[in-house]
């Protein structure tokens, strides 16, 4: 069953992703065989900070859109999982994966 893995990344979780993606690639090859969509907090990260991923089906998206304000960082990133997949996932299914998984 085709699915897209969706991950949200900000300054706090970038280091976790740098460590965990190696594990995903080695022990969960089914994730690496499917599309990966990463939305990142463009106010604290630049897209080039995700260059280490080298995923064959990687899509990166800046988050949040300009003009959106959130009460805190947690709310901002969780909101991405509500707004990003419906607009950008092209497979029928998607799976949220945390950077510390």
Protein backbone atom coordinates (compact mmCIF):
# COMPACT_ATOMS: atom_id res chain seq x y z
CA UNK A 1 0.00 0.00 0.00
CA UNK A 2 1.60 3.31 -1.05
CA UNK A 3 1.89 5.97 1.61
CA UNK A 4 3.86 9.14 2.26
CA UNK A 5 5.79 9.66 5.47
CA UNK A 6 5.29 13.18 6.85
CA UNK A 7 7.73 14.73 9.32
CA UNK A 8 7.72 18.18 10.90
CA UNK A 9 11.10 19.68 11.80
CA UNK A 10 12.09 22.75 13.75
CA UNK A 11 15.31 23.88 15.43
CA UNK A 12 14.73 21.62 18.44
CA UNK A 13 14.04 18.47 16.42
CA UNK A 14 16.64 18.88 13.65
CA UNK A 15 19.35 17.09 15.65
CA UNK A 16 16.96 14.23 16.40
CA UNK A 17 16.24 13.84 12.68
CA UNK A 18 19.95 13.79 11.87
CA UNK A 19 20.36 10.78 14.15
CA UNK A 20 17.08 8.94 13.54
CA UNK A 21 17.07 9.09 9.73
CA UNK A 22 20.11 6.81 9.68
CA UNK A 23 18.17 4.24 11.73
CA UNK A 24 15.09 4.58 9.52
CA UNK A 25 17.16 4.04 6.42
CA UNK A 26 18.91 0.97 7.82
CA UNK A 27 16.10 -0.75 9.74
CA UNK A 28 12.95 0.48 7.99
CA UNK A 29 13.76 0.37 4.27
CA UNK A 30 10.04 0.47 3.49
CA UNK A 31 10.12 4.12 4.59
CA UNK A 32 12.97 4.88 2.22
CA UNK A 33 11.08 3.21 -0.64
CA UNK A 34 8.14 5.62 -0.24
CA UNK A 35 7.74 9.40 -0.58
CA UNK A 36 8.99 11.51 2.32
CA UNK A 37 7.52 14.95 2.93
CA UNK A 38 9.25 17.18 5.46
CA UNK A 39 7.85 20.53 6.46
CA UNK A 40 10.29 22.72 8.34
CA UNK A 41 9.99 25.88 10.39
CA UNK A 42 11.42 28.32 7.88
CA UNK A 43 11.71 31.02 10.54
CA UNK A 44 14.51 29.12 12.28
CA UNK A 45 15.79 26.66 9.62
CA UNK A 46 16.79 26.91 6.00
CA UNK A 47 16.08 24.20 3.44
CA UNK A 48 19.80 23.50 3.00
CA UNK A 49 19.93 22.22 6.59
CA UNK A 50 17.98 19.17 5.35
CA UNK A 51 20.50 18.28 2.63
CA UNK A 52 21.85 15.39 4.72
CA UNK A 53 18.70 13.32 4.00
CA UNK A 54 19.46 12.30 0.41
CA UNK A 55 16.08 10.62 0.10
CA UNK A 56 15.09 9.60 -3.45
CA UNK A 57 11.51 10.89 -3.11
CA UNK A 58 12.01 13.84 -0.75
CA UNK A 59 9.80 16.92 -0.75
CA UNK A 60 10.58 19.78 1.62
CA UNK A 61 8.16 22.58 2.40
CA UNK A 62 8.60 25.72 4.48
CA UNK A 63 6.13 26.10 7.31
CA UNK A 64 4.13 28.13 8.40
CA UNK A 65 2.81 30.37 5.66
CA UNK A 66 3.65 34.02 6.10
CA UNK A 67 1.12 35.87 8.20
CA UNK A 68 0.21 32.88 10.38
CA UNK A 69 0.76 33.31 14.09
CA UNK A 70 0.61 30.61 16.73
CA UNK A 71 0.49 30.71 20.51
CA UNK A 72 3.64 28.59 20.84
CA UNK A 73 6.12 26.46 18.90
CA UNK A 74 4.34 23.19 19.67
CA UNK A 75 1.04 24.51 18.29
CA UNK A 76 2.79 25.80 15.18
CA UNK A 77 4.38 22.47 14.34
CA UNK A 78 1.33 20.33 15.17
CA UNK A 79 -0.78 22.59 12.94
CA UNK A 80 1.49 21.62 10.08
CA UNK A 81 0.23 18.06 10.29
CA UNK A 82 -3.31 19.36 9.78
CA UNK A 83 -2.59 21.70 6.88
CA UNK A 84 0.36 20.26 4.94
CA UNK A 85 -0.70 16.65 4.11
CA UNK A 86 -4.08 17.50 2.54
CA UNK A 87 -2.39 19.98 0.21
CA UNK A 88 0.85 18.22 -0.68
CA UNK A 89 0.58 14.44 -0.15
CA UNK A 90 -0.12 12.73 -3.46
CA UNK A 91 -0.53 9.17 -2.17
CA UNK A 92 -3.83 7.94 -0.79
CA UNK A 93 -2.37 7.44 2.69
CA UNK A 94 0.13 9.29 4.83
CA UNK A 95 1.85 8.55 8.11
CA UNK A 96 3.05 11.02 10.72
CA UNK A 97 6.51 10.14 12.00
CA UNK A 98 8.20 11.99 14.84
CA UNK A 99 11.88 12.79 14.65
CA UNK A 100 12.58 10.87 17.84
CA UNK A 101 10.98 7.64 16.57
